[in-house]
Amino acid sequence: MSALSLFGLFAVTAMLVCYALEHRSPLFILAFALACALGSVYGFLQGAWPFGIVEAIWALVAARRWWRAAKTF
């Protein structure tokens, strides 16, 4: 398995774990946003730019959700 594939596996696994734990703390929402950003980087590095764009959008959506949740926490 290449380093790029391992990076992608890490990013997607982090997204899944953080998404599952979002209800516990706003920090998991922030971690999900960062994992989405890593997924976006992975998408662009492997040449799947539509995946990279969608993951970048998800990162922005999650960051906005974190901002709102952190203000009310």
N, C-alpha and C. Protein backbone atom coordinates (compact mmCIF):
# COMPACT_ATOMS: atom_id res chain seq x y z
N MET A 1 0.86 -1.17 0.00
CA MET A 1 0.00 0.00 0.00
C MET A 1 0.91 1.24 0.00
N SER A 2 0.59 2.17 -0.85
CA SER A 2 1.42 3.38 -0.99
C SER A 2 1.16 4.35 0.17
N ALA A 3 2.08 5.29 0.32
CA ALA A 3 1.93 6.31 1.36
C ALA A 3 0.67 7.14 1.12
N LEU A 4 0.37 7.41 -0.14
CA LEU A 4 -0.83 8.19 -0.46
C LEU A 4 -2.09 7.42 -0.07
N SER A 5 -2.11 6.12 -0.33
CA SER A 5 -3.26 5.30 0.06
C SER A 5 -3.42 5.25 1.58
N LEU A 6 -2.31 5.14 2.29
CA LEU A 6 -2.37 5.15 3.75
C LEU A 6 -2.88 6.48 4.28
N PHE A 7 -2.44 7.57 3.65
CA PHE A 7 -2.94 8.90 4.03
C PHE A 7 -4.45 8.98 3.82
N GLY A 8 -4.92 8.51 2.68
CA GLY A 8 -6.36 8.52 2.41
C GLY A 8 -7.13 7.66 3.38
N LEU A 9 -6.59 6.49 3.71
CA LEU A 9 -7.24 5.62 4.68
C LEU A 9 -7.32 6.30 6.04
N PHE A 10 -6.25 6.95 6.44
CA PHE A 10 -6.26 7.68 7.71
C PHE A 10 -7.31 8.78 7.71
N ALA A 11 -7.37 9.57 6.63
CA ALA A 11 -8.31 10.69 6.54
C ALA A 11 -9.76 10.20 6.62
N VAL A 12 -10.07 9.17 5.87
CA VAL A 12 -11.46 8.67 5.85
C VAL A 12 -11.82 8.00 7.17
N THR A 13 -10.88 7.28 7.78
CA THR A 13 -11.14 6.66 9.08
C THR A 13 -11.35 7.73 10.15
N ALA A 14 -10.54 8.77 10.12
CA ALA A 14 -10.71 9.87 11.07
C ALA A 14 -12.07 10.55 10.88
N MET A 15 -12.48 10.72 9.64
CA MET A 15 -13.80 11.31 9.39
C MET A 15 -14.90 10.45 10.01
N LEU A 16 -14.84 9.16 9.81
CA LEU A 16 -15.86 8.25 10.31
C LEU A 16 -15.91 8.27 11.85
N VAL A 17 -14.76 8.17 12.48
CA VAL A 17 -14.70 8.15 13.94
C VAL A 17 -15.20 9.46 14.52
N CYS A 18 -14.72 10.57 13.98
CA CYS A 18 -15.13 11.89 14.50
C CYS A 18 -16.61 12.14 14.27
N TYR A 19 -17.14 11.72 13.14
CA TYR A 19 -18.57 11.89 12.86
C TYR A 19 -19.39 11.10 13.88
N ALA A 20 -18.94 9.89 14.20
CA ALA A 20 -19.67 9.06 15.15
C ALA A 20 -19.64 9.64 16.55
N LEU A 21 -18.62 10.43 16.88
CA LEU A 21 -18.47 10.97 18.23
C LEU A 21 -18.88 12.43 18.36
N GLU A 22 -19.44 13.01 17.30
CA GLU A 22 -19.80 14.44 17.32
C GLU A 22 -20.72 14.82 18.46
N HIS A 23 -21.60 13.93 18.86
CA HIS A 23 -22.57 14.27 19.90
C HIS A 23 -21.92 14.44 21.27
N ARG A 24 -20.68 13.99 21.42
CA ARG A 24 -20.00 14.05 22.72
C ARG A 24 -19.39 15.42 23.02
N SER A 25 -18.91 16.11 21.99
CA SER A 25 -18.24 17.39 22.22
C SER A 25 -18.10 18.15 20.91
N PRO A 26 -18.15 19.48 20.97
CA PRO A 26 -17.90 20.26 19.76
C PRO A 26 -16.50 20.04 19.19
N LEU A 27 -15.56 19.59 20.02
CA LEU A 27 -14.22 19.32 19.51
C LEU A 27 -14.21 18.20 18.48
N PHE A 28 -15.13 17.25 18.59
CA PHE A 28 -15.22 16.20 17.59
C PHE A 28 -15.77 16.75 16.27
N ILE A 29 -16.60 17.79 16.34
CA ILE A 29 -17.06 18.43 15.12
C ILE A 29 -15.89 19.12 14.44
N LEU A 30 -15.07 19.80 15.23
CA LEU A 30 -13.86 20.44 14.68
C LEU A 30 -12.91 19.39 14.10
N ALA A 31 -12.73 18.30 14.80
CA ALA A 31 -11.87 17.22 14.31
C ALA A 31 -12.43 16.64 13.01
N PHE A 32 -13.75 16.53 12.91
CA PHE A 32 -14.37 16.06 11.67
C PHE A 32 -14.07 17.04 10.53
N ALA A 33 -14.15 18.32 10.81
CA ALA A 33 -13.85 19.33 9.78
C ALA A 33 -12.40 19.20 9.32
N LEU A 34 -11.50 19.00 10.25
CA LEU A 34 -10.08 18.83 9.88
C LEU A 34 -9.87 17.54 9.10
N ALA A 35 -10.55 16.47 9.48
CA ALA A 35 -10.45 15.22 8.75
C ALA A 35 -11.01 15.37 7.33
N CYS A 36 -12.08 16.14 7.17
CA CYS A 36 -12.61 16.41 5.83
C CYS A 36 -11.60 17.19 5.00
N ALA A 37 -10.91 18.12 5.63
CA ALA A 37 -9.87 18.86 4.91
C ALA A 37 -8.75 17.92 4.48
N LEU A 38 -8.38 16.98 5.33
CA LEU A 38 -7.38 15.98 4.93
C LEU A 38 -7.89 15.12 3.78
N GLY A 39 -9.17 14.77 3.83
CA GLY A 39 -9.77 14.01 2.74
C GLY A 39 -9.75 14.80 1.44
N SER A 40 -9.94 16.09 1.54
CA SER A 40 -9.88 16.95 0.36
C SER A 40 -8.48 16.96 -0.23
N VAL A 41 -7.49 17.10 0.63
CA VAL A 41 -6.09 17.08 0.17
C VAL A 41 -5.81 15.75 -0.52
N TYR A 42 -6.26 14.67 0.08
CA TYR A 42 -6.06 13.35 -0.51
C TYR A 42 -6.71 13.27 -1.90
N GLY A 43 -7.93 13.76 -2.02
CA GLY A 43 -8.62 13.73 -3.31
C GLY A 43 -7.84 14.48 -4.38
N PHE A 44 -7.34 15.65 -4.05
CA PHE A 44 -6.57 16.42 -5.03
C PHE A 44 -5.24 15.75 -5.35
N LEU A 45 -4.58 15.17 -4.34
CA LEU A 45 -3.29 14.52 -4.58
C LEU A 45 -3.41 13.29 -5.47
N GLN A 46 -4.51 12.58 -5.35
CA GLN A 46 -4.67 11.38 -6.16
C GLN A 46 -5.28 11.68 -7.53
N GLY A 47 -5.66 12.93 -7.75
CA GLY A 47 -6.18 13.32 -9.05
C GLY A 47 -7.69 13.26 -9.18
N ALA A 48 -8.37 13.01 -8.08
CA ALA A 48 -9.84 12.96 -8.10
C ALA A 48 -10.36 14.31 -7.61
N TRP A 49 -10.22 15.33 -8.46
CA TRP A 49 -10.57 16.68 -8.04
C TRP A 49 -12.04 16.85 -7.65
N PRO A 50 -13.03 16.12 -8.25
CA PRO A 50 -14.40 16.29 -7.75
C PRO A 50 -14.53 15.86 -6.28
N PHE A 51 -13.84 14.77 -5.92
CA PHE A 51 -13.83 14.32 -4.53
C PHE A 51 -13.18 15.38 -3.64
N GLY A 52 -12.09 15.95 -4.11
CA GLY A 52 -11.40 16.99 -3.35
C GLY A 52 -12.27 18.20 -3.10
N ILE A 53 -13.02 18.60 -4.12
CA ILE A 53 -13.92 19.76 -3.97
C ILE A 53 -15.04 19.47 -2.99
N VAL A 54 -15.66 18.30 -3.11
CA VAL A 54 -16.76 17.95 -2.21
C VAL A 54 -16.28 17.86 -0.77
N GLU A 55 -15.12 17.27 -0.56
CA GLU A 55 -14.59 17.18 0.80
C GLU A 55 -14.24 18.56 1.35
N ALA A 56 -13.76 19.46 0.51
CA ALA A 56 -13.48 20.82 0.95
C ALA A 56 -14.77 21.52 1.39
N ILE A 57 -15.83 21.30 0.65
CA ILE A 57 -17.13 21.88 1.02
C ILE A 57 -17.60 21.30 2.35
N TRP A 58 -17.46 19.96 2.52
CA TRP A 58 -17.84 19.34 3.78
C TRP A 58 -17.03 19.91 4.94
N ALA A 59 -15.75 20.19 4.70
CA ALA A 59 -14.91 20.77 5.74
C ALA A 59 -15.45 22.14 6.16
N LEU A 60 -15.86 22.95 5.18
CA LEU A 60 -16.43 24.26 5.50
C LEU A 60 -17.74 24.14 6.25
N VAL A 61 -18.59 23.22 5.83
CA VAL A 61 -19.88 23.01 6.51
C VAL A 61 -19.65 22.57 7.94
N ALA A 62 -18.73 21.64 8.14
CA ALA A 62 -18.44 21.14 9.49
C ALA A 62 -17.82 22.24 10.35
N ALA A 63 -16.95 23.05 9.78
CA ALA A 63 -16.35 24.15 10.53
C ALA A 63 -17.42 25.14 10.98
N ARG A 64 -18.38 25.39 10.12
CA ARG A 64 -19.49 26.28 10.49
C ARG A 64 -20.33 25.66 11.60
N ARG A 65 -20.59 24.35 11.52
CA ARG A 65 -21.33 23.66 12.58
C ARG A 65 -20.57 23.73 13.90
N TRP A 66 -19.23 23.56 13.83
CA TRP A 66 -18.42 23.65 15.05
C TRP A 66 -18.52 25.06 15.64
N TRP A 67 -18.43 26.09 14.80
CA TRP A 67 -18.49 27.46 15.27
C TRP A 67 -19.79 27.72 16.03
N ARG A 68 -20.89 27.25 15.46
CA ARG A 68 -22.19 27.42 16.12
C ARG A 68 -22.29 26.61 17.42
N ALA A 69 -21.79 25.39 17.38
CA ALA A 69 -21.87 24.53 18.57
C ALA A 69 -20.96 25.05 19.67
N ALA A 70 -19.82 25.57 19.33
CA ALA A 70 -18.87 26.07 20.33
C ALA A 70 -19.42 27.31 21.03
N LYS A 71 -20.20 28.10 20.32
CA LYS A 71 -20.78 29.31 20.94
C LYS A 71 -21.86 28.95 21.94
N THR A 72 -22.56 27.83 21.75
CA THR A 72 -23.65 27.46 22.62
C THR A 72 -23.24 26.45 23.67
N PHE A 73 -22.03 25.95 23.61
CA PHE A 73 -21.58 24.90 24.52
C PHE A 73 -21.27 25.43 25.86
